[in-house]
Amino acid sequence: MLRKFYLPVMLIALLAVVLSGCAPAAPETIEVVVTQEVEVEVEKEVIVEVEKEVIVEVEKEMEVEEAGPVVVFGAYATAIEEPWDGVIHQALNKAQDDGLIEYTYTDDIGYSGDM
């Protein structure tokens, strides 16, 4: 008499364990708990509640506007021929040739607060 009752309950429990372990991980998830009532007829009426965990994926699409290249202005205190200024100037010119930035500069400004 009790054997008829154990088989459906064990199958439902096994199904709940399998379903909760097979869900893939998602970056953004919403967890929902669903309660389901199952009636099994034997000599007495028995109601078994099983909780299932359902994972729902939510996808978001974002629009990205292209702003164009970054605008860079170089203000050098010494002449552009100086070693540090020259290296920075060459790197920025290369980035401008590659289309990554828009580069303008002024050099030999001096140190006396003219900057």
PDB file of N, CA and C in Angstrom:
ATOM      1  N   MET A   1       0.820  -1.176   0.000  1.00  0.00           N
ATOM      2  CA  MET A   1       0.000   0.000   0.000  1.00  0.00           C
ATOM      3  C   MET A   1       0.878   1.258   0.000  1.00  0.00           C
ATOM      4  N   LEU A   2       1.904   1.289   0.836  1.00  0.00           N
ATOM      5  CA  LEU A   2       2.801   2.441   0.851  1.00  0.00           C
ATOM      6  C   LEU A   2       3.752   2.432  -0.336  1.00  0.00           C
ATOM      7  N   ARG A   3       3.983   1.282  -0.932  1.00  0.00           N
ATOM      8  CA  ARG A   3       4.878   1.210  -2.092  1.00  0.00           C
ATOM      9  C   ARG A   3       4.315   1.994  -3.275  1.00  0.00           C
ATOM     10  N   LYS A   4       3.025   2.021  -3.427  1.00  0.00           N
ATOM     11  CA  LYS A   4       2.394   2.793  -4.500  1.00  0.00           C
ATOM     12  C   LYS A   4       2.627   4.292  -4.292  1.00  0.00           C
ATOM     13  N   PHE A   5       2.740   4.672  -3.064  1.00  0.00           N
ATOM     14  CA  PHE A   5       2.944   6.076  -2.745  1.00  0.00           C
ATOM     15  C   PHE A   5       4.395   6.508  -2.938  1.00  0.00           C
ATOM     16  N   TYR A   6       5.354   5.653  -2.627  1.00  0.00           N
ATOM     17  CA  TYR A   6       6.775   6.005  -2.699  1.00  0.00           C
ATOM     18  C   TYR A   6       7.255   6.254  -4.129  1.00  0.00           C
ATOM     19  N   LEU A   7       6.824   5.491  -5.091  1.00  0.00           N
ATOM     20  CA  LEU A   7       7.316   5.620  -6.467  1.00  0.00           C
ATOM     21  C   LEU A   7       7.031   7.003  -7.060  1.00  0.00           C
ATOM     22  N   PRO A   8       5.791   7.516  -7.018  1.00  0.00           N
ATOM     23  CA  PRO A   8       5.564   8.867  -7.580  1.00  0.00           C
ATOM     24  C   PRO A   8       6.329   9.954  -6.834  1.00  0.00           C
ATOM     25  N   VAL A   9       6.414   9.829  -5.501  1.00  0.00           N
ATOM     26  CA  VAL A   9       7.125  10.849  -4.730  1.00  0.00           C
ATOM     27  C   VAL A   9       8.615  10.828  -5.065  1.00  0.00           C
ATOM     28  N   MET A  10       9.199   9.659  -5.180  1.00  0.00           N
ATOM     29  CA  MET A  10      10.619   9.545  -5.516  1.00  0.00           C
ATOM     30  C   MET A  10      10.895  10.078  -6.930  1.00  0.00           C
ATOM     31  N   LEU A  11      10.001   9.791  -7.873  1.00  0.00           N
ATOM     32  CA  LEU A  11      10.183  10.292  -9.238  1.00  0.00           C
ATOM     33  C   LEU A  11      10.099  11.816  -9.281  1.00  0.00           C
ATOM     34  N   ILE A  12       9.180  12.391  -8.537  1.00  0.00           N
ATOM     35  CA  ILE A  12       9.047  13.853  -8.514  1.00  0.00           C
ATOM     36  C   ILE A  12      10.280  14.485  -7.863  1.00  0.00           C
ATOM     37  N   ALA A  13      10.763  13.904  -6.776  1.00  0.00           N
ATOM     38  CA  ALA A  13      11.960  14.421  -6.112  1.00  0.00           C
ATOM     39  C   ALA A  13      13.176  14.319  -7.022  1.00  0.00           C
ATOM     40  N   LEU A  14      13.330  13.205  -7.727  1.00  0.00           N
ATOM     41  CA  LEU A  14      14.447  13.032  -8.658  1.00  0.00           C
ATOM     42  C   LEU A  14      14.370  14.040  -9.793  1.00  0.00           C
ATOM     43  N   LEU A  15      13.166  14.265 -10.312  1.00  0.00           N
ATOM     44  CA  LEU A  15      12.977  15.239 -11.385  1.00  0.00           C
ATOM     45  C   LEU A  15      13.345  16.649 -10.905  1.00  0.00           C
ATOM     46  N   ALA A  16      12.967  16.999  -9.680  1.00  0.00           N
ATOM     47  CA  ALA A  16      13.292  18.330  -9.143  1.00  0.00           C
ATOM     48  C   ALA A  16      14.801  18.510  -9.000  1.00  0.00           C
ATOM     49  N   VAL A  17      15.497  17.479  -8.549  1.00  0.00           N
ATOM     50  CA  VAL A  17      16.953  17.558  -8.391  1.00  0.00           C
ATOM     51  C   VAL A  17      17.630  17.696  -9.741  1.00  0.00           C
ATOM     52  N   VAL A  18      17.185  16.923 -10.725  1.00  0.00           N
ATOM     53  CA  VAL A  18      17.790  16.972 -12.063  1.00  0.00           C
ATOM     54  C   VAL A  18      17.554  18.334 -12.712  1.00  0.00           C
ATOM     55  N   LEU A  19      16.333  18.854 -12.612  1.00  0.00           N
ATOM     56  CA  LEU A  19      16.038  20.151 -13.231  1.00  0.00           C
ATOM     57  C   LEU A  19      16.806  21.287 -12.566  1.00  0.00           C
ATOM     58  N   SER A  20      16.994  21.239 -11.263  1.00  0.00           N
ATOM     59  CA  SER A  20      17.723  22.323 -10.615  1.00  0.00           C
ATOM     60  C   SER A  20      19.216  22.256 -10.895  1.00  0.00           C
ATOM     61  N   GLY A  21      19.758  21.090 -11.208  1.00  0.00           N
ATOM     62  CA  GLY A  21      21.194  20.968 -11.470  1.00  0.00           C
ATOM     63  C   GLY A  21      21.582  21.182 -12.912  1.00  0.00           C
ATOM     64  N   CYS A  22      20.630  21.218 -13.830  1.00  0.00           N
ATOM     65  CA  CYS A  22      20.951  21.305 -15.256  1.00  0.00           C
ATOM     66  C   CYS A  22      20.852  22.715 -15.818  1.00  0.00           C
ATOM     67  N   ALA A  23      20.452  23.679 -15.066  1.00  0.00           N
ATOM     68  CA  ALA A  23      20.264  25.029 -15.574  1.00  0.00           C
ATOM     69  C   ALA A  23      21.617  25.695 -15.798  1.00  0.00           C
ATOM     70  N   PRO A  24      21.859  26.300 -16.979  1.00  0.00           N
ATOM     71  CA  PRO A  24      23.131  26.992 -17.234  1.00  0.00           C
ATOM     72  C   PRO A  24      23.167  28.330 -16.494  1.00  0.00           C
ATOM     73  N   ALA A  25      24.374  28.731 -16.127  1.00  0.00           N
ATOM     74  CA  ALA A  25      24.543  30.010 -15.438  1.00  0.00           C
ATOM     75  C   ALA A  25      24.455  31.130 -16.460  1.00  0.00           C
ATOM     76  N   ALA A  26      23.737  32.178 -16.136  1.00  0.00           N
ATOM     77  CA  ALA A  26      23.568  33.328 -17.022  1.00  0.00           C
ATOM     78  C   ALA A  26      24.031  34.575 -16.283  1.00  0.00           C
ATOM     79  N   PRO A  27      24.537  35.569 -17.024  1.00  0.00           N
ATOM     80  CA  PRO A  27      24.995  36.781 -16.371  1.00  0.00           C
ATOM     81  C   PRO A  27      23.887  37.500 -15.599  1.00  0.00           C
ATOM     82  N   GLU A  28      22.700  37.533 -16.171  1.00  0.00           N
ATOM     83  CA  GLU A  28      21.579  38.152 -15.498  1.00  0.00           C
ATOM     84  C   GLU A  28      20.461  37.125 -15.441  1.00  0.00           C
ATOM     85  N   THR A  29      20.049  36.711 -14.244  1.00  0.00           N
ATOM     86  CA  THR A  29      19.006  35.708 -14.109  1.00  0.00           C
ATOM     87  C   THR A  29      17.974  36.169 -13.101  1.00  0.00           C
ATOM     88  N   ILE A  30      16.785  35.658 -13.274  1.00  0.00           N
ATOM     89  CA  ILE A  30      15.708  35.878 -12.339  1.00  0.00           C
ATOM     90  C   ILE A  30      15.286  34.498 -11.854  1.00  0.00           C
ATOM     91  N   GLU A  31      15.282  34.300 -10.548  1.00  0.00           N
ATOM     92  CA  GLU A  31      14.905  33.010 -10.006  1.00  0.00           C
ATOM     93  C   GLU A  31      13.439  33.053  -9.590  1.00  0.00           C
ATOM     94  N   VAL A  32      12.687  32.062 -10.018  1.00  0.00           N
ATOM     95  CA  VAL A  32      11.273  31.964  -9.705  1.00  0.00           C
ATOM     96  C   VAL A  32      11.029  30.610  -9.057  1.00  0.00           C
ATOM     97  N   VAL A  33      10.347  30.592  -7.936  1.00  0.00           N
ATOM     98  CA  VAL A  33      10.013  29.333  -7.270  1.00  0.00           C
ATOM     99  C   VAL A  33       8.560  29.007  -7.603  1.00  0.00           C
ATOM    100  N   VAL A  34       8.318  27.811  -8.148  1.00  0.00           N
ATOM    101  CA  VAL A  34       6.982  27.373  -8.537  1.00  0.00           C
ATOM    102  C   VAL A  34       6.565  26.241  -7.614  1.00  0.00           C
ATOM    103  N   THR A  35       5.407  26.363  -7.021  1.00  0.00           N
ATOM    104  CA  THR A  35       4.883  25.311  -6.166  1.00  0.00           C
ATOM    105  C   THR A  35       3.792  24.580  -6.936  1.00  0.00           C
ATOM    106  N   GLN A  36       3.859  23.270  -6.938  1.00  0.00           N
ATOM    107  CA  GLN A  36       2.911  22.463  -7.703  1.00  0.00           C
ATOM    108  C   GLN A  36       2.300  21.433  -6.756  1.00  0.00           C
ATOM    109  N   GLU A  37       0.983  21.316  -6.793  1.00  0.00           N
ATOM    110  CA  GLU A  37       0.300  20.334  -5.975  1.00  0.00           C
ATOM    111  C   GLU A  37       0.010  19.102  -6.816  1.00  0.00           C
ATOM    112  N   VAL A  38       0.300  17.954  -6.250  1.00  0.00           N
ATOM    113  CA  VAL A  38       0.062  16.687  -6.934  1.00  0.00           C
ATOM    114  C   VAL A  38      -0.813  15.846  -6.019  1.00  0.00           C
ATOM    115  N   GLU A  39      -1.888  15.337  -6.558  1.00  0.00           N
ATOM    116  CA  GLU A  39      -2.768  14.490  -5.769  1.00  0.00           C
ATOM    117  C   GLU A  39      -2.573  13.039  -6.194  1.00  0.00           C
ATOM    118  N   VAL A  40      -2.349  12.197  -5.211  1.00  0.00           N
ATOM    119  CA  VAL A  40      -2.181  10.771  -5.454  1.00  0.00           C
ATOM    120  C   VAL A  40      -3.294  10.065  -4.687  1.00  0.00           C
ATOM    121  N   GLU A  41      -4.040   9.234  -5.381  1.00  0.00           N
ATOM    122  CA  GLU A  41      -5.144   8.539  -4.724  1.00  0.00           C
ATOM    123  C   GLU A  41      -4.699   7.175  -4.215  1.00  0.00           C
ATOM    124  N   VAL A  42      -4.799   6.999  -2.938  1.00  0.00           N
ATOM    125  CA  VAL A  42      -4.644   5.704  -2.280  1.00  0.00           C
ATOM    126  C   VAL A  42      -5.831   5.609  -1.327  1.00  0.00           C
ATOM    127  N   GLU A  43      -5.720   4.871  -0.300  1.00  0.00           N
ATOM    128  CA  GLU A  43      -6.846   4.758   0.616  1.00  0.00           C
ATOM    129  C   GLU A  43      -7.167   6.097   1.264  1.00  0.00           C
ATOM    130  N   LYS A  44      -6.154   6.937   1.452  1.00  0.00           N
ATOM    131  CA  LYS A  44      -6.356   8.271   1.999  1.00  0.00           C
ATOM    132  C   LYS A  44      -5.888   9.282   0.965  1.00  0.00           C
ATOM    133  N   GLU A  45      -6.473  10.447   0.975  1.00  0.00           N
ATOM    134  CA  GLU A  45      -6.047  11.493   0.045  1.00  0.00           C
ATOM    135  C   GLU A  45      -4.779  12.140   0.581  1.00  0.00           C
ATOM    136  N   VAL A  46      -3.740  12.244  -0.269  1.00  0.00           N
ATOM    137  CA  VAL A  46      -2.466  12.817   0.124  1.00  0.00           C
ATOM    138  C   VAL A  46      -2.107  13.899  -0.890  1.00  0.00           C
ATOM    139  N   ILE A  47      -1.691  15.035  -0.400  1.00  0.00           N
ATOM    140  CA  ILE A  47      -1.241  16.123  -1.278  1.00  0.00           C
ATOM    141  C   ILE A  47       0.246  16.314  -1.052  1.00  0.00           C
ATOM    142  N   VAL A  48       1.014  16.254  -2.135  1.00  0.00           N
ATOM    143  CA  VAL A  48       2.456  16.410  -2.067  1.00  0.00           C
ATOM    144  C   VAL A  48       2.819  17.709  -2.768  1.00  0.00           C
ATOM    145  N   GLU A  49       3.569  18.568  -2.089  1.00  0.00           N
ATOM    146  CA  GLU A  49       4.019  19.821  -2.690  1.00  0.00           C
ATOM    147  C   GLU A  49       5.481  19.680  -3.089  1.00  0.00           C
ATOM    148  N   VAL A  50       5.783  20.091  -4.314  1.00  0.00           N
ATOM    149  CA  VAL A  50       7.141  20.023  -4.828  1.00  0.00           C
ATOM    150  C   VAL A  50       7.521  21.421  -5.298  1.00  0.00           C
ATOM    151  N   GLU A  51       8.667  21.888  -4.849  1.00  0.00           N
ATOM    152  CA  GLU A  51       9.154  23.188  -5.293  1.00  0.00           C
ATOM    153  C   GLU A  51      10.147  22.995  -6.432  1.00  0.00           C
ATOM    154  N   LYS A  52       9.963  23.777  -7.488  1.00  0.00           N
ATOM    155  CA  LYS A  52      10.877  23.737  -8.624  1.00  0.00           C
ATOM    156  C   LYS A  52      11.493  25.114  -8.770  1.00  0.00           C
ATOM    157  N   GLU A  53      12.745  25.131  -9.132  1.00  0.00           N
ATOM    158  CA  GLU A  53      13.442  26.384  -9.353  1.00  0.00           C
ATOM    159  C   GLU A  53      13.569  26.586 -10.862  1.00  0.00           C
ATOM    160  N   VAL A  54      13.045  27.706 -11.355  1.00  0.00           N
ATOM    161  CA  VAL A  54      13.076  28.009 -12.778  1.00  0.00           C
ATOM    162  C   VAL A  54      13.971  29.226 -12.972  1.00  0.00           C
ATOM    163  N   ILE A  55      14.888  29.132 -13.906  1.00  0.00           N
ATOM    164  CA  ILE A  55      15.797  30.247 -14.193  1.00  0.00           C
ATOM    165  C   ILE A  55      15.415  30.840 -15.547  1.00  0.00           C
ATOM    166  N   VAL A  56      15.188  32.134 -15.562  1.00  0.00           N
ATOM    167  CA  VAL A  56      14.761  32.836 -16.764  1.00  0.00           C
ATOM    168  C   VAL A  56      15.891  33.754 -17.202  1.00  0.00           C
ATOM    169  N   GLU A  57      16.301  33.662 -18.466  1.00  0.00           N
ATOM    170  CA  GLU A  57      17.357  34.533 -18.992  1.00  0.00           C
ATOM    171  C   GLU A  57      16.733  35.804 -19.550  1.00  0.00           C
ATOM    172  N   VAL A  58      17.385  36.915 -19.266  1.00  0.00           N
ATOM    173  CA  VAL A  58      16.947  38.203 -19.768  1.00  0.00           C
ATOM    174  C   VAL A  58      18.077  38.770 -20.613  1.00  0.00           C
ATOM    175  N   GLU A  59      17.790  39.037 -21.866  1.00  0.00           N
ATOM    176  CA  GLU A  59      18.817  39.591 -22.751  1.00  0.00           C
ATOM    177  C   GLU A  59      18.547  41.076 -22.942  1.00  0.00           C
ATOM    178  N   LYS A  60      19.606  41.839 -22.881  1.00  0.00           N
ATOM    179  CA  LYS A  60      19.494  43.272 -23.096  1.00  0.00           C
ATOM    180  C   LYS A  60      20.325  43.641 -24.317  1.00  0.00           C
ATOM    181  N   GLU A  61      19.767  44.488 -25.130  1.00  0.00           N
ATOM    182  CA  GLU A  61      20.523  45.009 -26.266  1.00  0.00           C
ATOM    183  C   GLU A  61      20.811  46.477 -25.991  1.00  0.00           C
ATOM    184  N   MET A  62      22.040  46.850 -26.207  1.00  0.00           N
ATOM    185  CA  MET A  62      22.426  48.225 -25.963  1.00  0.00           C
ATOM    186  C   MET A  62      22.862  48.860 -27.279  1.00  0.00           C
ATOM    187  N   GLU A  63      22.479  50.096 -27.445  1.00  0.00           N
ATOM    188  CA  GLU A  63      22.903  50.831 -28.628  1.00  0.00           C
ATOM    189  C   GLU A  63      24.129  51.652 -28.268  1.00  0.00           C
ATOM    190  N   VAL A  64      25.136  51.579 -29.098  1.00  0.00           N
ATOM    191  CA  VAL A  64      26.365  52.319 -28.865  1.00  0.00           C
ATOM    192  C   VAL A  64      26.552  53.286 -30.025  1.00  0.00           C
ATOM    193  N   GLU A  65      26.676  54.538 -29.681  1.00  0.00           N
ATOM    194  CA  GLU A  65      26.907  55.546 -30.707  1.00  0.00           C
ATOM    195  C   GLU A  65      28.404  55.731 -30.883  1.00  0.00           C
ATOM    196  N   GLU A  66      28.823  55.795 -32.118  1.00  0.00           N
ATOM    197  CA  GLU A  66      30.234  56.043 -32.389  1.00  0.00           C
ATOM    198  C   GLU A  66      30.476  57.541 -32.294  1.00  0.00           C
ATOM    199  N   ALA A  67      31.371  57.933 -31.406  1.00  0.00           N
ATOM    200  CA  ALA A  67      31.645  59.340 -31.172  1.00  0.00           C
ATOM    201  C   ALA A  67      32.779  59.851 -32.049  1.00  0.00           C
ATOM    202  N   GLY A  68      33.462  58.975 -32.731  1.00  0.00           N
ATOM    203  CA  GLY A  68      34.586  59.376 -33.546  1.00  0.00           C
ATOM    204  C   GLY A  68      35.874  59.283 -32.760  1.00  0.00           C
ATOM    205  N   PRO A  69      36.961  59.712 -33.349  1.00  0.00           N
ATOM    206  CA  PRO A  69      38.254  59.611 -32.663  1.00  0.00           C
ATOM    207  C   PRO A  69      38.354  60.601 -31.500  1.00  0.00           C
ATOM    208  N   VAL A  70      39.211  60.274 -30.554  1.00  0.00           N
ATOM    209  CA  VAL A  70      39.458  61.129 -29.397  1.00  0.00           C
ATOM    210  C   VAL A  70      40.301  62.328 -29.848  1.00  0.00           C
ATOM    211  N   VAL A  71      39.958  63.499 -29.345  1.00  0.00           N
ATOM    212  CA  VAL A  71      40.700  64.714 -29.684  1.00  0.00           C
ATOM    213  C   VAL A  71      41.786  64.921 -28.631  1.00  0.00           C
ATOM    214  N   VAL A  72      43.052  65.013 -29.086  1.00  0.00           N
ATOM    215  CA  VAL A  72      44.200  65.161 -28.189  1.00  0.00           C
ATOM    216  C   VAL A  72      44.936  66.446 -28.555  1.00  0.00           C
ATOM    217  N   PHE A  73      45.264  67.258 -27.515  1.00  0.00           N
ATOM    218  CA  PHE A  73      46.053  68.468 -27.730  1.00  0.00           C
ATOM    219  C   PHE A  73      47.302  68.368 -26.865  1.00  0.00           C
ATOM    220  N   GLY A  74      48.464  68.532 -27.476  1.00  0.00           N
ATOM    221  CA  GLY A  74      49.733  68.473 -26.752  1.00  0.00           C
ATOM    222  C   GLY A  74      50.268  69.869 -26.517  1.00  0.00           C
ATOM    223  N   ALA A  75      50.560  70.189 -25.256  1.00  0.00           N
ATOM    224  CA  ALA A  75      51.152  71.477 -24.897  1.00  0.00           C
ATOM    225  C   ALA A  75      52.523  71.169 -24.305  1.00  0.00           C
ATOM    226  N   TYR A  76      53.584  71.438 -25.079  1.00  0.00           N
ATOM    227  CA  TYR A  76      54.943  71.092 -24.665  1.00  0.00           C
ATOM    228  C   TYR A  76      55.684  72.343 -24.205  1.00  0.00           C
ATOM    229  N   ALA A  77      56.358  72.247 -23.058  1.00  0.00           N
ATOM    230  CA  ALA A  77      57.092  73.385 -22.506  1.00  0.00           C
ATOM    231  C   ALA A  77      58.370  73.652 -23.291  1.00  0.00           C
ATOM    232  N   THR A  78      58.953  72.594 -23.857  1.00  0.00           N
ATOM    233  CA  THR A  78      60.211  72.739 -24.614  1.00  0.00           C
ATOM    234  C   THR A  78      59.939  72.476 -26.091  1.00  0.00           C
ATOM    235  N   ALA A  79      61.003  72.618 -26.871  1.00  0.00           N
ATOM    236  CA  ALA A  79      60.871  72.362 -28.309  1.00  0.00           C
ATOM    237  C   ALA A  79      60.565  70.888 -28.553  1.00  0.00           C
ATOM    238  N   ILE A  80      59.888  70.592 -29.630  1.00  0.00           N
ATOM    239  CA  ILE A  80      59.458  69.229 -29.946  1.00  0.00           C
ATOM    240  C   ILE A  80      60.646  68.318 -30.220  1.00  0.00           C
ATOM    241  N   GLU A  81      61.807  68.891 -30.463  1.00  0.00           N
ATOM    242  CA  GLU A  81      63.014  68.105 -30.723  1.00  0.00           C
ATOM    243  C   GLU A  81      63.615  67.511 -29.450  1.00  0.00           C
ATOM    244  N   GLU A  82      63.190  67.942 -28.291  1.00  0.00           N
ATOM    245  CA  GLU A  82      63.680  67.382 -27.034  1.00  0.00           C
ATOM    246  C   GLU A  82      63.286  65.900 -26.963  1.00  0.00           C
ATOM    247  N   PRO A  83      64.110  65.079 -26.298  1.00  0.00           N
ATOM    248  CA  PRO A  83      63.859  63.627 -26.314  1.00  0.00           C
ATOM    249  C   PRO A  83      62.460  63.208 -25.825  1.00  0.00           C
ATOM    250  N   TRP A  84      62.031  63.656 -24.665  1.00  0.00           N
ATOM    251  CA  TRP A  84      60.735  63.209 -24.144  1.00  0.00           C
ATOM    252  C   TRP A  84      59.592  63.736 -24.989  1.00  0.00           C
ATOM    253  N   ASP A  85      59.663  65.013 -25.336  1.00  0.00           N
ATOM    254  CA  ASP A  85      58.598  65.580 -26.166  1.00  0.00           C
ATOM    255  C   ASP A  85      58.551  64.907 -27.531  1.00  0.00           C
ATOM    256  N   GLY A  86      59.714  64.624 -28.101  1.00  0.00           N
ATOM    257  CA  GLY A  86      59.774  64.007 -29.426  1.00  0.00           C
ATOM    258  C   GLY A  86      59.169  62.611 -29.441  1.00  0.00           C
ATOM    259  N   VAL A  87      59.435  61.816 -28.409  1.00  0.00           N
ATOM    260  CA  VAL A  87      58.889  60.457 -28.351  1.00  0.00           C
ATOM    261  C   VAL A  87      57.369  60.491 -28.223  1.00  0.00           C
ATOM    262  N   ILE A  88      56.874  61.351 -27.350  1.00  0.00           N
ATOM    263  CA  ILE A  88      55.424  61.469 -27.171  1.00  0.00           C
ATOM    264  C   ILE A  88      54.779  61.961 -28.467  1.00  0.00           C
ATOM    265  N   HIS A  89      55.408  62.947 -29.099  1.00  0.00           N
ATOM    266  CA  HIS A  89      54.889  63.500 -30.365  1.00  0.00           C
ATOM    267  C   HIS A  89      54.838  62.427 -31.450  1.00  0.00           C
ATOM    268  N   GLN A  90      55.897  61.601 -31.560  1.00  0.00           N
ATOM    269  CA  GLN A  90      55.897  60.531 -32.568  1.00  0.00           C
ATOM    270  C   GLN A  90      54.785  59.521 -32.315  1.00  0.00           C
ATOM    271  N   ALA A  91      54.574  59.135 -31.055  1.00  0.00           N
ATOM    272  CA  ALA A  91      53.522  58.164 -30.724  1.00  0.00           C
ATOM    273  C   ALA A  91      52.133  58.719 -31.044  1.00  0.00           C
ATOM    274  N   LEU A  92      51.921  59.988 -30.732  1.00  0.00           N
ATOM    275  CA  LEU A  92      50.620  60.591 -31.019  1.00  0.00           C
ATOM    276  C   LEU A  92      50.399  60.764 -32.521  1.00  0.00           C
ATOM    277  N   ASN A  93      51.452  61.075 -33.256  1.00  0.00           N
ATOM    278  CA  ASN A  93      51.322  61.153 -34.722  1.00  0.00           C
ATOM    279  C   ASN A  93      50.975  59.786 -35.317  1.00  0.00           C
ATOM    280  N   LYS A  94      51.576  58.728 -34.795  1.00  0.00           N
ATOM    281  CA  LYS A  94      51.262  57.386 -35.289  1.00  0.00           C
ATOM    282  C   LYS A  94      49.804  57.033 -35.005  1.00  0.00           C
ATOM    283  N   ALA A  95      49.328  57.374 -33.792  1.00  0.00           N
ATOM    284  CA  ALA A  95      47.931  57.108 -33.448  1.00  0.00           C
ATOM    285  C   ALA A  95      46.991  57.894 -34.356  1.00  0.00           C
ATOM    286  N   GLN A  96      47.394  59.108 -34.732  1.00  0.00           N
ATOM    287  CA  GLN A  96      46.573  59.905 -35.639  1.00  0.00           C
ATOM    288  C   GLN A  96      46.583  59.290 -37.037  1.00  0.00           C
ATOM    289  N   ASP A  97      47.732  58.796 -37.504  1.00  0.00           N
ATOM    290  CA  ASP A  97      47.802  58.151 -38.812  1.00  0.00           C
ATOM    291  C   ASP A  97      46.947  56.881 -38.856  1.00  0.00           C
ATOM    292  N   ASP A  98      46.827  56.196 -37.712  1.00  0.00           N
ATOM    293  CA  ASP A  98      45.998  54.983 -37.634  1.00  0.00           C
ATOM    294  C   ASP A  98      44.513  55.310 -37.503  1.00  0.00           C
ATOM    295  N   GLY A  99      44.180  56.591 -37.349  1.00  0.00           N
ATOM    296  CA  GLY A  99      42.779  56.999 -37.252  1.00  0.00           C
ATOM    297  C   GLY A  99      42.185  56.862 -35.859  1.00  0.00           C
ATOM    298  N   LEU A 100      43.017  56.715 -34.849  1.00  0.00           N
ATOM    299  CA  LEU A 100      42.513  56.549 -33.488  1.00  0.00           C
ATOM    300  C   LEU A 100      42.231  57.873 -32.793  1.00  0.00           C
ATOM    301  N   ILE A 101      42.992  58.919 -33.136  1.00  0.00           N
ATOM    302  CA  ILE A 101      42.842  60.211 -32.474  1.00  0.00           C
ATOM    303  C   ILE A 101      42.953  61.334 -33.497  1.00  0.00           C
ATOM    304  N   GLU A 102      42.537  62.532 -33.067  1.00  0.00           N
ATOM    305  CA  GLU A 102      42.819  63.771 -33.808  1.00  0.00           C
ATOM    306  C   GLU A 102      43.809  64.533 -32.940  1.00  0.00           C
ATOM    307  N   TYR A 103      44.988  64.828 -33.466  1.00  0.00           N
ATOM    308  CA  TYR A 103      46.091  65.363 -32.662  1.00  0.00           C
ATOM    309  C   TYR A 103      46.549  66.708 -33.192  1.00  0.00           C
ATOM    310  N   THR A 104      46.624  67.689 -32.265  1.00  0.00           N
ATOM    311  CA  THR A 104      47.250  68.990 -32.550  1.00  0.00           C
ATOM    312  C   THR A 104      48.150  69.313 -31.357  1.00  0.00           C
ATOM    313  N   TYR A 105      49.103  70.214 -31.581  1.00  0.00           N
ATOM    314  CA  TYR A 105      50.041  70.514 -30.498  1.00  0.00           C
ATOM    315  C   TYR A 105      50.607  71.915 -30.658  1.00  0.00           C
ATOM    316  N   THR A 106      51.217  72.372 -29.567  1.00  0.00           N
ATOM    317  CA  THR A 106      52.035  73.572 -29.583  1.00  0.00           C
ATOM    318  C   THR A 106      53.255  73.274 -28.703  1.00  0.00           C
ATOM    319  N   ASP A 107      54.408  73.757 -29.112  1.00  0.00           N
ATOM    320  CA  ASP A 107      55.614  73.453 -28.365  1.00  0.00           C
ATOM    321  C   ASP A 107      56.368  74.731 -28.014  1.00  0.00           C
ATOM    322  N   ASP A 108      57.411  74.568 -27.202  1.00  0.00           N
ATOM    323  CA  ASP A 108      58.299  75.655 -26.781  1.00  0.00           C
ATOM    324  C   ASP A 108      57.523  76.781 -26.087  1.00  0.00           C
ATOM    325  N   ILE A 109      56.601  76.392 -25.228  1.00  0.00           N
ATOM    326  CA  ILE A 109      55.789  77.377 -24.506  1.00  0.00           C
ATOM    327  C   ILE A 109      56.615  78.042 -23.411  1.00  0.00           C
ATOM    328  N   GLY A 110      57.459  77.274 -22.729  1.00  0.00           N
ATOM    329  CA  GLY A 110      58.273  77.831 -21.639  1.00  0.00           C
ATOM    330  C   GLY A 110      57.737  77.376 -20.302  1.00  0.00           C
ATOM    331  N   TYR A 111      58.479  77.786 -19.246  1.00  0.00           N
ATOM    332  CA  TYR A 111      58.137  77.311 -17.915  1.00  0.00           C
ATOM    333  C   TYR A 111      57.582  78.415 -17.016  1.00  0.00           C
ATOM    334  N   SER A 112      57.539  79.628 -17.450  1.00  0.00           N
ATOM    335  CA  SER A 112      57.260  80.759 -16.551  1.00  0.00           C
ATOM    336  C   SER A 112      55.768  81.037 -16.369  1.00  0.00           C
ATOM    337  N   GLY A 113      54.960  80.035 -16.394  1.00  0.00           N
ATOM    338  CA  GLY A 113      53.534  80.258 -16.177  1.00  0.00           C
ATOM    339  C   GLY A 113      52.770  80.488 -17.459  1.00  0.00           C
ATOM    340  N   ASP A 114      53.456  80.448 -18.599  1.00  0.00           N
ATOM    341  CA  ASP A 114      52.775  80.657 -19.873  1.00  0.00           C
ATOM    342  C   ASP A 114      51.835  79.488 -20.201  1.00  0.00           C
ATOM    343  N   MET A 115      52.140  78.334 -19.593  1.00  0.00           N
ATOM    344  CA  MET A 115      51.287  77.178 -19.859  1.00  0.00           C
ATOM    345  C   MET A 115      49.923  77.409 -19.288  1.00  0.00           C
TER     346      MET A 115
END
